[in-house]
């Protein structure tokens, strides 16, 4: 599979977490990642409370460039959407195969959350 941004061959990489292991496709040139259906949900569930959020994501103008699905044979145009946890992250997803493209730094930005917000969510969830 080729990177939707750089068009170079992507490499398989294994991500190991406590309860699961995922194989994702990573571009060796731009460092973007392709997540197949359900992999995005698993990685989104990881929240890393931090004292200071530092986003290192591409500029919005680069995030808005149209990309095509690297997984589907007919390569449909990926749909752009703001990520609900971080409005600065614009994800690209395929309506057909439900895969997701994340530019470099976007996964980290999605997983990081200011520790006060994490504390608020924790306390809120205790009451439910």
N, C-alpha and C. Protein backbone atom coordinates (compact mmCIF):
# COMPACT_ATOMS: atom_id res chain seq x y z
N UNK A 1 0.86 -1.17 0.00
CA UNK A 1 0.00 0.00 0.00
C UNK A 1 0.91 1.24 0.00
N UNK A 2 0.53 2.23 -0.79
CA UNK A 2 1.32 3.46 -0.87
C UNK A 2 0.71 4.58 -0.04
N UNK A 3 1.55 5.44 0.47
CA UNK A 3 1.13 6.59 1.26
C UNK A 3 0.24 7.50 0.42
N UNK A 4 -0.91 7.92 0.95
CA UNK A 4 -1.78 8.81 0.18
C UNK A 4 -1.18 10.20 -0.02
N UNK A 5 -0.22 10.57 0.81
CA UNK A 5 0.40 11.89 0.69
C UNK A 5 1.67 11.85 -0.15
N UNK A 6 2.58 10.90 0.13
CA UNK A 6 3.90 10.86 -0.52
C UNK A 6 3.97 9.89 -1.69
N UNK A 7 3.05 8.95 -1.74
CA UNK A 7 3.00 7.91 -2.77
C UNK A 7 4.12 6.87 -2.67
N UNK A 8 4.85 6.83 -1.54
CA UNK A 8 5.87 5.80 -1.35
C UNK A 8 5.26 4.61 -0.61
N UNK A 9 5.89 3.47 -0.70
CA UNK A 9 5.39 2.26 -0.07
C UNK A 9 5.44 2.40 1.46
N UNK A 10 4.31 2.09 2.09
CA UNK A 10 4.22 2.19 3.55
C UNK A 10 4.76 0.91 4.19
N UNK A 11 5.20 1.03 5.44
CA UNK A 11 5.77 -0.09 6.16
C UNK A 11 4.88 -0.47 7.33
N UNK A 12 4.78 -1.78 7.58
CA UNK A 12 4.00 -2.25 8.73
C UNK A 12 4.76 -1.97 10.02
N UNK A 13 4.03 -1.53 11.02
CA UNK A 13 4.61 -1.26 12.33
C UNK A 13 3.66 -1.82 13.38
N UNK A 14 4.19 -2.37 14.43
CA UNK A 14 3.36 -2.94 15.49
C UNK A 14 3.31 -1.98 16.68
N UNK A 15 2.10 -1.72 17.13
CA UNK A 15 1.88 -0.90 18.33
C UNK A 15 1.37 -1.85 19.41
N UNK A 16 2.07 -1.91 20.52
CA UNK A 16 1.66 -2.79 21.61
C UNK A 16 1.13 -1.96 22.77
N UNK A 17 -0.06 -2.29 23.20
CA UNK A 17 -0.68 -1.66 24.37
C UNK A 17 -0.98 -2.76 25.38
N UNK A 18 -1.52 -2.38 26.52
CA UNK A 18 -1.79 -3.34 27.59
C UNK A 18 -2.68 -4.50 27.13
N UNK A 19 -3.80 -4.17 26.48
CA UNK A 19 -4.81 -5.17 26.17
C UNK A 19 -4.83 -5.64 24.72
N UNK A 20 -3.99 -5.07 23.86
CA UNK A 20 -4.04 -5.45 22.46
C UNK A 20 -2.74 -5.07 21.75
N UNK A 21 -2.66 -5.56 20.54
CA UNK A 21 -1.53 -5.26 19.67
C UNK A 21 -2.11 -4.92 18.30
N UNK A 22 -1.64 -3.83 17.68
CA UNK A 22 -2.13 -3.41 16.38
C UNK A 22 -1.00 -3.35 15.38
N UNK A 23 -1.30 -3.72 14.14
CA UNK A 23 -0.35 -3.51 13.06
C UNK A 23 -0.89 -2.36 12.23
N UNK A 24 -0.12 -1.31 12.14
CA UNK A 24 -0.53 -0.14 11.36
C UNK A 24 0.44 0.03 10.20
N UNK A 25 0.05 0.84 9.24
CA UNK A 25 0.91 1.16 8.12
C UNK A 25 1.45 2.57 8.33
N UNK A 26 2.78 2.72 8.29
CA UNK A 26 3.42 4.02 8.50
C UNK A 26 4.26 4.38 7.27
N UNK A 27 4.18 5.64 6.88
CA UNK A 27 4.97 6.12 5.76
C UNK A 27 6.39 6.44 6.25
N UNK A 28 7.41 5.84 5.63
CA UNK A 28 8.77 6.11 6.07
C UNK A 28 9.26 7.51 5.68
N UNK A 29 8.54 8.16 4.77
CA UNK A 29 8.95 9.49 4.32
C UNK A 29 8.31 10.61 5.13
N UNK A 30 6.98 10.61 5.24
CA UNK A 30 6.30 11.71 5.95
C UNK A 30 5.92 11.34 7.38
N UNK A 31 5.99 10.07 7.75
CA UNK A 31 5.67 9.57 9.08
C UNK A 31 4.17 9.55 9.39
N UNK A 32 3.33 9.71 8.37
CA UNK A 32 1.89 9.59 8.55
C UNK A 32 1.52 8.13 8.75
N UNK A 33 0.31 7.88 9.27
CA UNK A 33 -0.12 6.49 9.50
C UNK A 33 -1.51 6.24 8.94
N UNK A 34 -1.71 5.00 8.48
CA UNK A 34 -3.01 4.54 8.01
C UNK A 34 -3.53 3.55 9.03
N UNK A 35 -4.76 3.79 9.48
CA UNK A 35 -5.40 2.91 10.45
C UNK A 35 -6.60 2.26 9.79
N UNK A 36 -6.65 0.94 9.80
CA UNK A 36 -7.81 0.24 9.26
C UNK A 36 -8.98 0.38 10.23
N UNK A 37 -10.15 -0.04 9.78
CA UNK A 37 -11.38 0.01 10.55
C UNK A 37 -11.15 -0.51 11.97
N UNK A 38 -11.65 0.19 12.95
CA UNK A 38 -11.59 -0.13 14.38
C UNK A 38 -10.23 0.19 15.04
N UNK A 39 -9.15 0.27 14.28
CA UNK A 39 -7.87 0.59 14.89
C UNK A 39 -7.87 2.01 15.45
N UNK A 40 -8.54 2.91 14.75
CA UNK A 40 -8.61 4.30 15.22
C UNK A 40 -9.31 4.37 16.58
N UNK A 41 -10.40 3.64 16.74
CA UNK A 41 -11.14 3.65 18.01
C UNK A 41 -10.25 3.17 19.16
N UNK A 42 -9.47 2.12 18.91
CA UNK A 42 -8.60 1.60 19.96
C UNK A 42 -7.54 2.63 20.35
N UNK A 43 -6.94 3.28 19.36
CA UNK A 43 -5.89 4.25 19.66
C UNK A 43 -6.45 5.54 20.26
N UNK A 44 -7.68 5.91 19.88
CA UNK A 44 -8.32 7.10 20.45
C UNK A 44 -8.63 6.91 21.93
N UNK A 45 -8.84 5.66 22.33
CA UNK A 45 -9.21 5.40 23.73
C UNK A 45 -8.05 5.65 24.68
N UNK A 46 -6.85 5.74 24.15
CA UNK A 46 -5.68 6.01 24.98
C UNK A 46 -5.61 7.52 25.20
N UNK A 47 -5.69 7.93 26.45
CA UNK A 47 -5.60 9.35 26.79
C UNK A 47 -4.40 9.53 27.69
N UNK A 48 -3.53 10.42 27.29
CA UNK A 48 -2.32 10.69 28.06
C UNK A 48 -2.43 12.07 28.69
N UNK A 49 -2.73 12.15 29.99
CA UNK A 49 -2.79 13.47 30.63
C UNK A 49 -1.41 14.12 30.64
N UNK A 50 -1.36 15.36 30.22
CA UNK A 50 -0.10 16.10 30.17
C UNK A 50 -0.30 17.48 30.81
N UNK A 51 0.77 18.02 31.35
CA UNK A 51 0.71 19.35 31.95
C UNK A 51 0.67 20.42 30.88
N UNK A 52 1.29 20.15 29.74
CA UNK A 52 1.35 21.14 28.68
C UNK A 52 1.22 20.41 27.35
N UNK A 53 0.20 20.76 26.58
CA UNK A 53 0.00 20.14 25.28
C UNK A 53 0.86 20.84 24.24
N UNK A 54 1.63 20.08 23.52
CA UNK A 54 2.45 20.62 22.44
C UNK A 54 2.04 19.90 21.16
N UNK A 55 1.38 20.64 20.29
CA UNK A 55 0.96 20.05 19.02
C UNK A 55 2.04 20.24 17.97
N UNK A 56 2.40 19.16 17.34
CA UNK A 56 3.33 19.23 16.23
C UNK A 56 2.66 18.57 15.04
N UNK A 57 1.67 19.27 14.51
CA UNK A 57 0.90 18.77 13.38
C UNK A 57 1.15 19.69 12.18
N UNK A 58 0.89 19.18 10.98
CA UNK A 58 1.09 20.01 9.79
C UNK A 58 0.17 21.24 9.82
N UNK A 59 0.55 22.30 9.11
CA UNK A 59 -0.32 23.48 9.03
C UNK A 59 -1.66 23.09 8.40
N UNK A 60 -2.70 23.84 8.73
CA UNK A 60 -4.04 23.52 8.25
C UNK A 60 -4.10 23.47 6.72
N UNK A 61 -3.36 24.34 6.06
CA UNK A 61 -3.37 24.35 4.59
C UNK A 61 -2.90 23.00 4.04
N UNK A 62 -1.92 22.37 4.69
CA UNK A 62 -1.45 21.05 4.28
C UNK A 62 -2.46 19.96 4.63
N UNK A 63 -3.11 20.12 5.78
CA UNK A 63 -4.11 19.12 6.20
C UNK A 63 -5.33 19.11 5.28
N UNK A 64 -5.58 20.22 4.60
CA UNK A 64 -6.77 20.33 3.75
C UNK A 64 -6.56 19.83 2.32
N UNK A 65 -5.35 19.42 1.97
CA UNK A 65 -5.08 18.88 0.63
C UNK A 65 -5.85 17.56 0.48
N UNK A 66 -6.53 17.40 -0.64
CA UNK A 66 -7.30 16.19 -0.90
C UNK A 66 -6.40 14.96 -1.03
N UNK A 67 -6.78 13.89 -0.37
CA UNK A 67 -6.05 12.63 -0.42
C UNK A 67 -7.00 11.51 -0.84
N UNK A 68 -6.43 10.46 -1.42
CA UNK A 68 -7.24 9.34 -1.89
C UNK A 68 -6.93 8.09 -1.08
N UNK A 69 -7.94 7.26 -0.89
CA UNK A 69 -7.80 6.06 -0.07
C UNK A 69 -6.74 5.13 -0.63
N UNK A 70 -5.75 4.79 0.20
CA UNK A 70 -4.71 3.87 -0.26
C UNK A 70 -5.13 2.40 -0.18
N UNK A 71 -6.24 2.10 0.50
CA UNK A 71 -6.68 0.73 0.73
C UNK A 71 -7.67 0.26 -0.34
N UNK A 72 -8.61 1.12 -0.74
CA UNK A 72 -9.66 0.73 -1.68
C UNK A 72 -9.12 0.69 -3.12
N UNK A 73 -9.54 -0.33 -3.88
CA UNK A 73 -9.06 -0.45 -5.26
C UNK A 73 -9.42 0.75 -6.15
N UNK A 74 -10.58 1.37 -5.91
CA UNK A 74 -10.98 2.51 -6.75
C UNK A 74 -10.52 3.85 -6.19
N UNK A 75 -9.76 3.84 -5.10
CA UNK A 75 -9.15 5.04 -4.48
C UNK A 75 -10.09 6.24 -4.36
N UNK A 76 -11.19 6.10 -3.59
CA UNK A 76 -12.08 7.26 -3.42
C UNK A 76 -11.39 8.38 -2.64
N UNK A 77 -11.87 9.59 -2.85
CA UNK A 77 -11.36 10.75 -2.13
C UNK A 77 -11.70 10.59 -0.65
N UNK A 78 -10.71 10.79 0.22
CA UNK A 78 -10.95 10.69 1.66
C UNK A 78 -11.74 11.91 2.14
N UNK A 79 -12.58 11.69 3.12
CA UNK A 79 -13.42 12.74 3.70
C UNK A 79 -12.65 13.40 4.84
N UNK A 80 -12.71 14.71 4.90
CA UNK A 80 -12.03 15.49 5.95
C UNK A 80 -13.01 15.73 7.10
N UNK A 81 -12.51 15.65 8.33
CA UNK A 81 -13.35 15.93 9.50
C UNK A 81 -12.47 16.41 10.65
N UNK A 82 -12.97 17.37 11.41
CA UNK A 82 -12.28 17.78 12.63
C UNK A 82 -12.43 16.66 13.64
N UNK A 83 -11.36 16.36 14.35
CA UNK A 83 -11.45 15.33 15.37
C UNK A 83 -12.17 15.91 16.58
N UNK A 84 -13.14 15.18 17.16
CA UNK A 84 -13.91 15.73 18.29
C UNK A 84 -13.09 16.05 19.53
N UNK A 85 -11.97 15.39 19.74
CA UNK A 85 -11.17 15.66 20.93
C UNK A 85 -10.22 16.84 20.74
N UNK A 86 -9.82 17.09 19.49
CA UNK A 86 -8.88 18.19 19.22
C UNK A 86 -9.25 18.83 17.88
N UNK A 87 -9.86 19.99 17.94
CA UNK A 87 -10.37 20.63 16.72
C UNK A 87 -9.26 21.09 15.78
N UNK A 88 -8.01 21.07 16.21
CA UNK A 88 -6.90 21.44 15.35
C UNK A 88 -6.47 20.27 14.45
N UNK A 89 -6.94 19.08 14.78
CA UNK A 89 -6.59 17.89 14.01
C UNK A 89 -7.69 17.63 12.99
N UNK A 90 -7.29 17.61 11.73
CA UNK A 90 -8.22 17.28 10.65
C UNK A 90 -7.87 15.88 10.17
N UNK A 91 -8.75 14.93 10.46
CA UNK A 91 -8.50 13.55 10.04
C UNK A 91 -9.07 13.34 8.64
N UNK A 92 -8.55 12.34 7.96
CA UNK A 92 -9.03 11.93 6.64
C UNK A 92 -9.51 10.50 6.78
N UNK A 93 -10.76 10.25 6.37
CA UNK A 93 -11.24 8.88 6.48
C UNK A 93 -11.98 8.46 5.22
N UNK A 94 -12.01 7.16 5.00
CA UNK A 94 -12.67 6.60 3.83
C UNK A 94 -14.05 6.10 4.22
N UNK A 95 -15.04 6.60 3.54
CA UNK A 95 -16.42 6.19 3.82
C UNK A 95 -16.65 4.73 3.43
N UNK A 96 -15.87 4.26 2.47
CA UNK A 96 -16.06 2.90 1.96
C UNK A 96 -15.45 1.83 2.87
N UNK A 97 -14.14 1.92 3.15
CA UNK A 97 -13.48 0.89 3.98
C UNK A 97 -13.37 1.30 5.44
N UNK A 98 -13.70 2.56 5.75
CA UNK A 98 -13.68 3.14 7.09
C UNK A 98 -12.27 3.21 7.69
N UNK A 99 -11.27 3.26 6.81
CA UNK A 99 -9.90 3.47 7.26
C UNK A 99 -9.67 4.95 7.53
N UNK A 100 -8.61 5.27 8.27
CA UNK A 100 -8.32 6.65 8.64
C UNK A 100 -6.86 6.97 8.39
N UNK A 101 -6.61 8.14 7.82
CA UNK A 101 -5.25 8.64 7.62
C UNK A 101 -4.97 9.73 8.64
N UNK A 102 -3.84 9.62 9.34
CA UNK A 102 -3.40 10.64 10.27
C UNK A 102 -2.03 11.15 9.84
N UNK A 103 -1.94 12.45 9.69
CA UNK A 103 -0.66 13.07 9.38
C UNK A 103 0.24 12.98 10.60
N UNK A 104 1.55 13.21 10.42
CA UNK A 104 2.48 13.13 11.55
C UNK A 104 2.05 14.06 12.69
N UNK A 105 2.08 13.54 13.91
CA UNK A 105 1.76 14.32 15.09
C UNK A 105 0.29 14.34 15.46
N UNK A 106 -0.59 13.94 14.54
CA UNK A 106 -2.03 14.01 14.83
C UNK A 106 -2.46 12.98 15.88
N UNK A 107 -1.91 11.78 15.84
CA UNK A 107 -2.28 10.77 16.84
C UNK A 107 -1.88 11.24 18.23
N UNK A 108 -0.69 11.77 18.36
CA UNK A 108 -0.23 12.28 19.66
C UNK A 108 -1.13 13.41 20.13
N UNK A 109 -1.50 14.31 19.22
CA UNK A 109 -2.39 15.43 19.58
C UNK A 109 -3.75 14.93 20.05
N UNK A 110 -4.25 13.86 19.42
CA UNK A 110 -5.54 13.30 19.82
C UNK A 110 -5.44 12.63 21.19
N UNK A 111 -4.33 11.95 21.44
CA UNK A 111 -4.18 11.20 22.68
C UNK A 111 -3.82 12.08 23.87
N UNK A 112 -3.19 13.22 23.64
CA UNK A 112 -2.82 14.08 24.76
C UNK A 112 -4.01 14.93 25.20
N UNK A 113 -4.12 15.12 26.47
CA UNK A 113 -5.19 15.93 27.03
C UNK A 113 -4.65 16.62 28.27
N UNK A 114 -4.92 17.89 28.41
CA UNK A 114 -4.44 18.64 29.57
C UNK A 114 -4.93 17.93 30.83
N UNK A 115 -4.06 17.79 31.81
CA UNK A 115 -4.38 16.99 33.00
C UNK A 115 -5.61 17.50 33.75
N UNK A 116 -5.90 18.81 33.71
CA UNK A 116 -7.11 19.32 34.37
C UNK A 116 -8.37 18.83 33.67
N UNK A 117 -8.32 18.75 32.34
CA UNK A 117 -9.47 18.23 31.59
C UNK A 117 -9.63 16.75 31.89
N UNK A 118 -8.52 16.01 31.95
CA UNK A 118 -8.58 14.58 32.29
C UNK A 118 -9.17 14.37 33.68
N UNK A 119 -8.77 15.21 34.63
CA UNK A 119 -9.29 15.13 35.99
C UNK A 119 -10.80 15.40 36.00
N UNK A 120 -11.23 16.41 35.26
CA UNK A 120 -12.65 16.73 35.14
C UNK A 120 -13.42 15.53 34.59
N UNK A 121 -12.91 14.92 33.49
CA UNK A 121 -13.59 13.76 32.89
C UNK A 121 -13.64 12.59 33.87
N UNK A 122 -12.57 12.39 34.61
CA UNK A 122 -12.53 11.30 35.59
C UNK A 122 -13.59 11.51 36.68
N UNK A 123 -13.66 12.71 37.23
CA UNK A 123 -14.64 13.01 38.27
C UNK A 123 -16.05 12.92 37.74
N UNK A 124 -16.26 13.44 36.52
CA UNK A 124 -17.59 13.38 35.89
C UNK A 124 -18.02 11.92 35.70
N UNK A 125 -17.10 11.08 35.25
CA UNK A 125 -17.43 9.68 35.00
C UNK A 125 -17.69 8.90 36.29
N UNK A 126 -17.10 9.32 37.40
CA UNK A 126 -17.37 8.68 38.69
C UNK A 126 -18.82 8.85 39.11
N UNK A 127 -19.40 9.99 38.74
CA UNK A 127 -20.79 10.28 39.11
C UNK A 127 -21.81 9.54 38.28
N UNK A 128 -21.40 8.90 37.20
CA UNK A 128 -22.35 8.20 36.33
C UNK A 128 -22.42 6.75 36.62
